[in-house]
Amino acid sequence: MWVDWGPVRSNRSFRLLIGGQFASLIGSNITMVAIPYQVYLATHASWWVGVASIVQLPALIAGSLMGGALGDRFDKRPLLVAASALSALTSTFLALGAIRHGALGWLLLLAAGSAFSGGLGGPIRTAAIPQMLSSDDLVPAYSLNQIVVNLAAILGPSLAGVVLAAWGLDWCYGLDALSFVIIMGAGGLMGPLPPTRPEVPLGLFRAIGEGLVYVRHHRVAQFVYLADLNAMVFGSPRGLFPAVALSVYHGGPRLLGLLYAAPSVGAVVLAFTSGWVTHIRRRGRAVAVGVWGLSVSAFGLVHVVWVALVCLALAGAMDVISTVLRNTILQLAITDDVRSRVSSIQLAVVTGGPRVGDLESGVVASAVSTEFSIVSGGLACLAGIALLARRRRDFWTSRDL
């Protein structure tokens, strides 16, 4: 039942990777709360929070595609250090902008820069895991990675609420910059992560194009991406958290931090007890679970804070199963020569989908109400799952994924 800690015990580079990632993700989650909070305070409009999220999407996609192409062509270790240094620099500028009470345009520009640097390093980290470990270790490795991701998603937003209330925005961004210095050090101590196709002198855009063509003709990758996009575009309520905390429940920064942290509480509990996930035979069916959509709809219907937090925690618990199995299905189905580039496209989907969802939910909330936006999004997610199961029946029934 319990998660297998073997990959951490046996592989020093993997220990350094997830340790450094843990520190950087705590900082990134602090910034994830600080930016929408700053935007909502400045505008008092959920749709502006969605705009702030969506303007990061082109930069995120550009950074992730570039990181994927570079990761297949060069040693991943110095690339990881360089991407972390760039992230530290953008967070430092965010802190300086907060100190100077910069305009909204300045904030959006720096947020886009932060998304670009995050996208640059993300696929390199993802593609490094199968390079460090054997295929038998991938499910426990991705389960451990989910523990790290979601523990950071608990600590980061919770810390953000305290720091915002006590010291302000500049401290949030400063802590984020410091966290990237830690992963820079961890990256420097790792063993070499040589390129998978150094002999092919591809130009950057041609390399990116090869990866996109590969995914276009790869049915497994398409299934994984569609399942994630459906949940994140329609069923992700995070862009409405500032409105829920400040306008629905009339709380403050601490409640906002709890809302952001709640899904990861459920995710961590399930990730620690994820040993049984290794034995799931029909992984495609488990990826398409609908409890996420039901939990999100319930979150929009209730008006008791602790019940709302439980609904978010249940949604996060279901998401961790889907995430572990999506990563395992994808990494076992693709070839080594495109691993970084496919991981870059996956990162663009995983992190870009919620940003589109932020805009969608913000527009609906502004047109109707915050509660309607949350409930209708969860129901739309369920409808999408049903359609995906109908159109991709082979993945729904297969025991070979």
Protein backbone atom coordinates (compact mmCIF):
# COMPACT_ATOMS: atom_id res chain seq x y z
CA MET A 1 0.00 0.00 0.00
CA TRP A 2 2.75 2.46 0.91
CA VAL A 3 4.78 4.33 -1.67
CA ASP A 4 8.10 2.72 -2.64
CA TRP A 5 11.07 4.88 -1.56
CA GLY A 6 13.57 2.75 -3.50
CA PRO A 7 14.40 5.37 -6.19
CA VAL A 8 15.36 7.90 -3.50
CA ARG A 9 17.53 5.44 -1.58
CA SER A 10 19.33 4.04 -4.62
CA ASN A 11 19.94 7.08 -6.84
CA ARG A 12 21.84 10.17 -5.65
CA SER A 13 20.96 12.30 -8.68
CA PHE A 14 17.26 11.57 -8.20
CA ARG A 15 17.54 12.60 -4.53
CA LEU A 16 19.15 15.87 -5.55
CA LEU A 17 16.59 16.47 -8.27
CA ILE A 18 13.49 16.08 -6.14
CA GLY A 19 15.14 17.82 -3.17
CA GLY A 20 15.98 20.88 -5.24
CA GLN A 21 12.62 20.72 -6.95
CA PHE A 22 10.91 20.70 -3.54
CA ALA A 23 12.60 23.96 -2.56
CA SER A 24 11.91 25.67 -5.89
CA LEU A 25 8.27 24.56 -5.93
CA ILE A 26 7.65 26.02 -2.49
CA GLY A 27 8.86 29.36 -3.85
CA SER A 28 6.87 29.01 -7.07
CA ASN A 29 3.68 28.26 -5.13
CA ILE A 30 4.22 31.35 -3.01
CA THR A 31 4.39 33.41 -6.20
CA MET A 32 1.37 31.54 -7.60
CA VAL A 33 -0.67 33.00 -4.73
CA ALA A 34 1.00 36.43 -4.69
CA ILE A 35 0.42 37.34 -8.36
CA PRO A 36 -3.38 36.74 -8.50
CA TYR A 37 -3.74 38.33 -5.06
CA GLN A 38 -1.91 41.43 -6.25
CA VAL A 39 -3.97 41.55 -9.44
CA TYR A 40 -7.29 41.12 -7.60
CA LEU A 41 -6.39 43.85 -5.10
CA ALA A 42 -5.58 46.19 -7.97
CA THR A 43 -8.67 45.44 -10.10
CA HIS A 44 -11.30 43.69 -7.89
CA ALA A 45 -12.25 41.59 -10.94
CA SER A 46 -11.88 37.82 -11.41
CA TRP A 47 -11.61 38.19 -15.17
CA TRP A 48 -8.45 40.27 -14.68
CA VAL A 49 -7.02 37.38 -12.65
CA GLY A 50 -7.79 35.18 -15.65
CA VAL A 51 -6.11 37.67 -17.99
CA ALA A 52 -3.02 37.71 -15.76
CA SER A 53 -2.89 33.94 -16.03
CA ILE A 54 -3.52 33.69 -19.77
CA VAL A 55 -0.87 36.26 -20.71
CA GLN A 56 1.68 33.87 -19.22
CA LEU A 57 0.60 31.07 -21.56
CA PRO A 58 2.52 32.06 -24.74
CA ALA A 59 5.69 32.58 -22.71
CA LEU A 60 5.19 29.28 -20.93
CA ILE A 61 4.69 27.36 -24.17
CA ALA A 62 7.68 29.05 -25.82
CA GLY A 63 9.90 28.28 -22.82
CA SER A 64 8.80 24.66 -22.53
CA LEU A 65 9.22 23.93 -26.25
CA MET A 66 12.65 25.53 -26.20
CA GLY A 67 13.64 23.58 -23.08
CA GLY A 68 12.50 20.32 -24.65
CA ALA A 69 14.49 20.89 -27.84
CA LEU A 70 17.63 21.87 -25.90
CA GLY A 71 17.23 18.95 -23.48
CA ASP A 72 17.35 16.38 -26.31
CA ARG A 73 20.42 18.04 -27.83
CA PHE A 74 22.62 19.00 -24.83
CA ASP A 75 23.53 17.80 -21.34
CA LYS A 76 20.51 18.44 -19.11
CA ARG A 77 22.46 19.33 -15.96
CA PRO A 78 23.88 22.75 -17.05
CA LEU A 79 20.58 23.53 -18.76
CA LEU A 80 18.75 22.94 -15.48
CA VAL A 81 21.14 25.26 -13.62
CA ALA A 82 20.77 27.99 -16.27
CA ALA A 83 16.95 27.79 -16.27
CA SER A 84 16.92 28.04 -12.46
CA ALA A 85 19.19 31.09 -12.58
CA LEU A 86 16.81 32.79 -15.01
CA SER A 87 13.84 32.00 -12.73
CA ALA A 88 15.70 33.48 -9.74
CA LEU A 89 16.34 36.66 -11.75
CA THR A 90 12.69 37.15 -12.76
CA SER A 91 11.52 36.58 -9.16
CA THR A 92 14.02 39.20 -7.99
CA PHE A 93 12.57 41.72 -10.45
CA LEU A 94 9.06 40.84 -9.23
CA ALA A 95 10.19 41.63 -5.68
CA LEU A 96 11.64 44.97 -6.77
CA GLY A 97 8.43 45.79 -8.64
CA ALA A 98 6.36 45.03 -5.52
CA ILE A 99 8.60 47.26 -3.42
CA ARG A 100 8.12 50.10 -5.90
CA HIS A 101 4.37 49.45 -6.21
CA GLY A 102 4.71 48.86 -9.93
CA ALA A 103 1.85 49.22 -12.40
CA LEU A 104 -0.28 46.29 -13.53
CA GLY A 105 1.47 46.15 -16.91
CA TRP A 106 4.86 45.74 -15.22
CA LEU A 107 3.48 42.90 -13.11
CA LEU A 108 2.01 41.08 -16.13
CA LEU A 109 5.26 41.41 -18.06
CA LEU A 110 7.32 39.93 -15.23
CA ALA A 111 4.75 37.19 -14.66
CA ALA A 112 5.19 36.20 -18.32
CA GLY A 113 8.97 36.18 -17.85
CA SER A 114 8.57 33.92 -14.82
CA ALA A 115 6.38 31.56 -16.86
CA PHE A 116 8.99 31.42 -19.64
CA SER A 117 11.82 30.48 -17.27
CA GLY A 118 9.63 27.93 -15.49
CA GLY A 119 8.68 26.40 -18.83
CA LEU A 120 12.33 26.23 -19.84
CA GLY A 121 13.35 24.06 -16.88
CA GLY A 122 10.22 21.94 -16.50
CA PRO A 123 10.65 19.47 -19.41
CA ILE A 124 14.34 19.07 -18.59
CA ARG A 125 13.48 17.88 -15.06
CA THR A 126 10.69 15.61 -16.32
CA ALA A 127 12.83 13.98 -19.02
CA ALA A 128 15.73 13.49 -16.58
CA ILE A 129 13.76 11.06 -14.37
CA PRO A 130 13.52 8.16 -16.87
CA GLN A 131 17.16 8.81 -17.77
CA MET A 132 18.20 8.33 -14.14
CA LEU A 133 16.03 5.29 -13.36
CA SER A 134 14.91 1.98 -14.85
CA SER A 135 11.40 1.54 -16.27
CA ASP A 136 10.38 -0.54 -13.23
CA ASP A 137 11.08 2.45 -10.99
CA LEU A 138 8.96 4.96 -12.92
CA VAL A 139 5.65 4.51 -11.08
CA PRO A 140 7.23 4.88 -7.60
CA ALA A 141 9.43 7.70 -8.88
CA TYR A 142 6.47 9.66 -10.22
CA SER A 143 4.53 8.91 -7.03
CA LEU A 144 7.43 10.34 -5.00
CA ASN A 145 7.54 13.28 -7.36
CA GLN A 146 3.84 13.87 -6.69
CA ILE A 147 4.54 13.84 -2.95
CA VAL A 148 7.17 16.54 -3.46
CA VAL A 149 4.96 18.58 -5.82
CA ASN A 150 1.96 18.48 -3.53
CA LEU A 151 3.81 18.98 -0.25
CA ALA A 152 5.24 22.12 -1.84
CA ALA A 153 1.73 23.05 -2.97
CA ILE A 154 0.61 22.83 0.68
CA LEU A 155 3.55 24.63 2.26
CA GLY A 156 3.93 27.29 -0.44
CA PRO A 157 0.38 28.72 -0.44
CA SER A 158 0.08 28.35 3.35
CA LEU A 159 3.36 30.22 3.78
CA ALA A 160 2.21 32.78 1.21
CA GLY A 161 -0.89 33.58 3.27
CA VAL A 162 1.23 34.19 6.37
CA VAL A 163 3.91 36.20 4.55
CA LEU A 164 1.35 38.34 2.70
CA ALA A 165 -0.43 39.18 5.95
CA ALA A 166 2.75 39.83 7.95
CA TRP A 167 5.31 41.31 5.55
CA GLY A 168 3.80 41.87 2.10
CA LEU A 169 4.29 40.96 -1.54
CA ASP A 170 7.98 41.78 -1.84
CA TRP A 171 8.89 39.09 0.71
CA CYS A 172 6.86 36.50 -1.24
CA TYR A 173 8.78 37.16 -4.44
CA GLY A 174 12.09 37.34 -2.59
CA LEU A 175 11.56 33.89 -1.05
CA ASP A 176 10.79 32.54 -4.52
CA ALA A 177 14.10 33.90 -5.84
CA LEU A 178 15.96 32.25 -2.95
CA SER A 179 14.32 28.88 -3.65
CA PHE A 180 15.75 28.80 -7.18
CA VAL A 181 19.24 29.33 -5.82
CA ILE A 182 18.80 26.03 -3.93
CA ILE A 183 17.88 24.04 -7.05
CA MET A 184 20.82 25.62 -8.88
CA GLY A 185 23.11 24.13 -6.23
CA ALA A 186 21.38 20.74 -6.42
CA GLY A 187 21.73 20.72 -10.21
CA GLY A 188 25.44 21.43 -9.97
CA LEU A 189 25.93 18.39 -7.71
CA MET A 190 24.10 15.91 -9.96
CA GLY A 191 25.83 13.44 -12.20
CA PRO A 192 25.96 14.07 -15.97
CA LEU A 193 22.69 13.79 -17.90
CA PRO A 194 23.98 13.43 -21.47
CA PRO A 195 21.84 14.26 -24.51
CA THR A 196 19.80 11.52 -26.16
CA ARG A 197 20.64 12.54 -29.75
CA PRO A 198 23.83 14.64 -29.79
CA GLU A 199 24.82 13.42 -33.24
CA VAL A 200 21.98 15.19 -35.07
CA PRO A 201 22.71 18.91 -35.65
CA LEU A 202 19.12 20.17 -35.65
CA GLY A 203 18.13 23.80 -35.60
CA LEU A 204 15.95 24.83 -32.66
CA PHE A 205 12.73 25.35 -34.65
CA ARG A 206 13.24 22.18 -36.65
CA ALA A 207 13.74 20.22 -33.43
CA ILE A 208 10.54 21.67 -31.96
CA GLY A 209 8.69 20.83 -35.17
CA GLU A 210 9.89 17.22 -35.03
CA GLY A 211 8.48 16.90 -31.52
CA LEU A 212 5.12 18.35 -32.54
CA VAL A 213 4.86 16.01 -35.54
CA TYR A 214 5.73 13.04 -33.33
CA VAL A 215 2.93 13.90 -30.89
CA ARG A 216 0.47 14.56 -33.72
CA HIS A 217 0.78 10.94 -34.86
CA HIS A 218 1.08 9.37 -31.39
CA ARG A 219 -2.33 8.20 -30.13
CA VAL A 220 -1.18 7.54 -26.58
CA ALA A 221 0.23 11.06 -26.19
CA GLN A 222 -2.95 12.55 -27.62
CA PHE A 223 -5.11 10.60 -25.16
CA VAL A 224 -2.99 11.72 -22.19
CA TYR A 225 -3.10 15.38 -23.26
CA LEU A 226 -6.85 15.40 -23.97
CA ALA A 227 -7.63 13.86 -20.58
CA ASP A 228 -5.59 16.53 -18.80
CA LEU A 229 -6.87 19.46 -20.86
CA ASN A 230 -10.48 18.48 -20.21
CA ALA A 231 -9.99 18.50 -16.44
CA MET A 232 -7.90 21.66 -16.27
CA VAL A 233 -9.71 23.91 -18.76
CA PHE A 234 -13.22 23.19 -17.49
CA GLY A 235 -12.76 21.86 -13.96
CA SER A 236 -9.99 23.97 -12.42
CA PRO A 237 -11.43 26.65 -10.07
CA ARG A 238 -8.11 28.14 -8.89
CA GLY A 239 -8.54 31.43 -10.79
CA LEU A 240 -11.62 32.08 -8.67
CA PHE A 241 -9.91 31.47 -5.32
CA PRO A 242 -9.26 35.20 -4.67
CA ALA A 243 -12.94 35.96 -5.27
CA VAL A 244 -14.04 32.99 -3.15
CA ALA A 245 -11.75 33.95 -0.27
CA LEU A 246 -12.36 37.72 -0.31
CA SER A 247 -15.91 38.06 -1.66
CA VAL A 248 -17.80 34.79 -1.00
CA TYR A 249 -16.39 33.91 2.43
CA HIS A 250 -15.19 37.45 3.28
CA GLY A 251 -11.84 36.13 4.48
CA GLY A 252 -8.29 37.33 3.88
CA PRO A 253 -4.87 36.15 2.72
CA ARG A 254 -4.76 33.21 5.17
CA LEU A 255 -8.00 31.74 3.80
CA LEU A 256 -6.72 32.31 0.26
CA GLY A 257 -3.60 30.30 1.11
CA LEU A 258 -5.75 27.47 2.52
CA LEU A 259 -7.83 27.31 -0.66
CA TYR A 260 -4.72 26.98 -2.79
CA ALA A 261 -3.24 24.39 -0.42
CA ALA A 262 -6.32 22.20 0.11
CA PRO A 263 -6.13 20.12 -3.11
CA SER A 264 -2.55 19.21 -2.34
CA VAL A 265 -3.43 18.02 1.18
CA GLY A 266 -5.59 15.30 -0.36
CA ALA A 267 -2.95 14.65 -3.02
CA VAL A 268 -0.18 14.13 -0.44
CA VAL A 269 -2.26 11.72 1.65
CA LEU A 270 -3.02 9.62 -1.41
CA ALA A 271 0.52 9.85 -2.79
CA PHE A 272 1.99 8.45 0.44
CA THR A 273 -0.39 5.47 0.16
CA SER A 274 0.03 5.00 -3.60
CA GLY A 275 1.78 1.62 -3.56
CA TRP A 276 -1.37 -0.02 -4.92
CA VAL A 277 -1.29 2.24 -8.02
CA THR A 278 1.58 0.11 -9.37
CA HIS A 279 -0.86 -2.80 -9.76
CA ILE A 280 -3.55 -0.96 -11.75
CA ARG A 281 -4.06 -2.84 -15.01
CA ARG A 282 -6.32 -0.43 -16.91
CA ARG A 283 -4.33 2.76 -16.52
CA GLY A 284 -6.23 4.60 -19.25
CA ARG A 285 -9.50 4.16 -17.36
CA ALA A 286 -7.96 5.36 -14.10
CA VAL A 287 -6.65 8.48 -15.86
CA ALA A 288 -10.20 9.45 -16.85
CA VAL A 289 -11.73 9.36 -13.34
CA GLY A 290 -14.68 11.71 -12.85
CA VAL A 291 -14.47 12.28 -9.09
CA TRP A 292 -12.41 15.43 -9.76
CA GLY A 293 -15.34 17.04 -11.62
CA LEU A 294 -17.86 15.99 -8.96
CA SER A 295 -15.68 17.36 -6.16
CA VAL A 296 -15.21 20.70 -7.93
CA SER A 297 -18.97 21.06 -8.46
CA ALA A 298 -19.57 20.27 -4.78
CA PHE A 299 -17.01 22.95 -3.83
CA GLY A 300 -19.08 25.51 -5.71
CA LEU A 301 -22.35 24.45 -4.08
CA VAL A 302 -21.33 24.51 -0.41
CA HIS A 303 -20.96 27.64 1.70
CA VAL A 304 -19.19 26.22 4.75
CA VAL A 305 -15.45 26.79 4.71
CA TRP A 306 -14.32 23.42 6.12
CA VAL A 307 -16.64 21.49 3.78
CA ALA A 308 -15.31 23.46 0.81
CA LEU A 309 -11.74 22.63 1.84
CA VAL A 310 -12.63 18.92 2.10
CA CYS A 311 -14.09 19.01 -1.43
CA LEU A 312 -10.89 20.55 -2.76
CA ALA A 313 -8.79 17.96 -0.89
CA LEU A 314 -10.82 15.11 -2.45
CA ALA A 315 -10.33 16.63 -5.90
CA GLY A 316 -6.59 16.78 -5.30
CA ALA A 317 -6.49 13.15 -4.15
CA MET A 318 -8.12 12.00 -7.38
CA ASP A 319 -5.83 14.18 -9.45
CA VAL A 320 -2.68 12.57 -8.06
CA ILE A 321 -3.76 9.12 -9.32
CA SER A 322 -4.41 10.56 -12.76
CA THR A 323 -1.08 12.43 -12.80
CA VAL A 324 1.05 9.42 -11.81
CA LEU A 325 -0.60 7.19 -14.39
CA ARG A 326 -0.51 9.82 -17.15
CA ASN A 327 3.22 10.30 -16.67
CA THR A 328 3.88 6.55 -16.57
CA ILE A 329 1.77 5.82 -19.67
CA LEU A 330 3.45 8.59 -21.62
CA GLN A 331 7.06 7.91 -20.62
CA LEU A 332 6.74 4.17 -21.37
CA ALA A 333 5.13 4.83 -24.76
CA ILE A 334 7.61 7.34 -26.24
CA THR A 335 11.15 6.86 -27.51
CA ASP A 336 14.31 8.28 -25.91
CA ASP A 337 15.25 10.52 -28.83
CA VAL A 338 12.19 12.77 -28.36
CA ARG A 339 11.69 12.41 -24.60
CA SER A 340 12.57 16.00 -23.66
CA ARG A 341 10.51 17.48 -26.47
CA VAL A 342 7.45 15.36 -25.68
CA SER A 343 7.91 16.28 -22.01
CA SER A 344 7.97 19.95 -23.06
CA ILE A 345 4.64 19.57 -24.86
CA GLN A 346 3.27 17.76 -21.82
CA LEU A 347 4.40 20.62 -19.57
CA ALA A 348 2.72 23.15 -21.88
CA VAL A 349 -0.51 21.15 -21.62
CA VAL A 350 -0.32 20.54 -17.86
CA THR A 351 0.50 24.13 -16.94
CA GLY A 352 -1.19 25.87 -19.87
CA GLY A 353 -4.56 24.14 -19.40
CA PRO A 354 -5.17 25.69 -15.96
CA ARG A 355 -4.31 29.14 -17.33
CA VAL A 356 -6.94 28.79 -20.05
CA GLY A 357 -9.26 27.52 -17.32
CA ASP A 358 -8.52 30.61 -15.21
CA LEU A 359 -9.69 32.85 -18.07
CA GLU A 360 -12.74 30.68 -18.81
CA SER A 361 -13.85 30.56 -15.18
CA GLY A 362 -13.19 34.28 -14.67
CA VAL A 363 -15.28 35.27 -17.70
CA VAL A 364 -18.18 33.03 -16.63
CA ALA A 365 -17.97 34.32 -13.05
CA SER A 366 -18.08 37.93 -14.24
CA ALA A 367 -21.05 37.19 -16.53
CA VAL A 368 -23.09 35.12 -14.03
CA SER A 369 -21.58 34.41 -10.59
CA THR A 370 -18.55 32.83 -8.95
CA GLU A 371 -20.56 29.86 -7.69
CA PHE A 372 -22.15 29.20 -11.10
CA SER A 373 -18.74 29.25 -12.78
CA ILE A 374 -17.34 26.64 -10.38
CA VAL A 375 -20.34 24.27 -10.56
CA SER A 376 -20.78 24.47 -14.33
CA GLY A 377 -17.04 23.89 -14.83
CA GLY A 378 -17.13 20.68 -12.81
CA LEU A 379 -20.14 19.42 -14.76
CA ALA A 380 -18.48 20.31 -18.08
CA CYS A 381 -15.45 18.29 -16.95
CA LEU A 382 -17.69 15.24 -16.40
CA ALA A 383 -19.23 15.65 -19.85
CA GLY A 384 -15.75 15.82 -21.38
CA ILE A 385 -14.67 12.62 -19.63
CA ALA A 386 -17.75 10.81 -20.96
CA LEU A 387 -17.03 12.03 -24.49
CA LEU A 388 -13.37 11.04 -24.27
CA ALA A 389 -14.26 7.53 -23.06
CA ARG A 390 -16.70 7.18 -25.95
CA ARG A 391 -14.34 8.44 -28.65
CA ARG A 392 -11.22 6.61 -27.36
CA ARG A 393 -12.81 3.36 -26.26
CA ASP A 394 -9.62 1.38 -26.92
CA PHE A 395 -7.81 3.31 -24.16
CA TRP A 396 -10.76 2.87 -21.83
CA THR A 397 -10.70 -0.92 -22.15
CA SER A 398 -7.00 -1.68 -22.77
CA ARG A 399 -4.96 -3.60 -20.19
CA ASP A 400 -1.69 -2.88 -21.99
CA LEU A 401 -1.22 0.84 -21.23
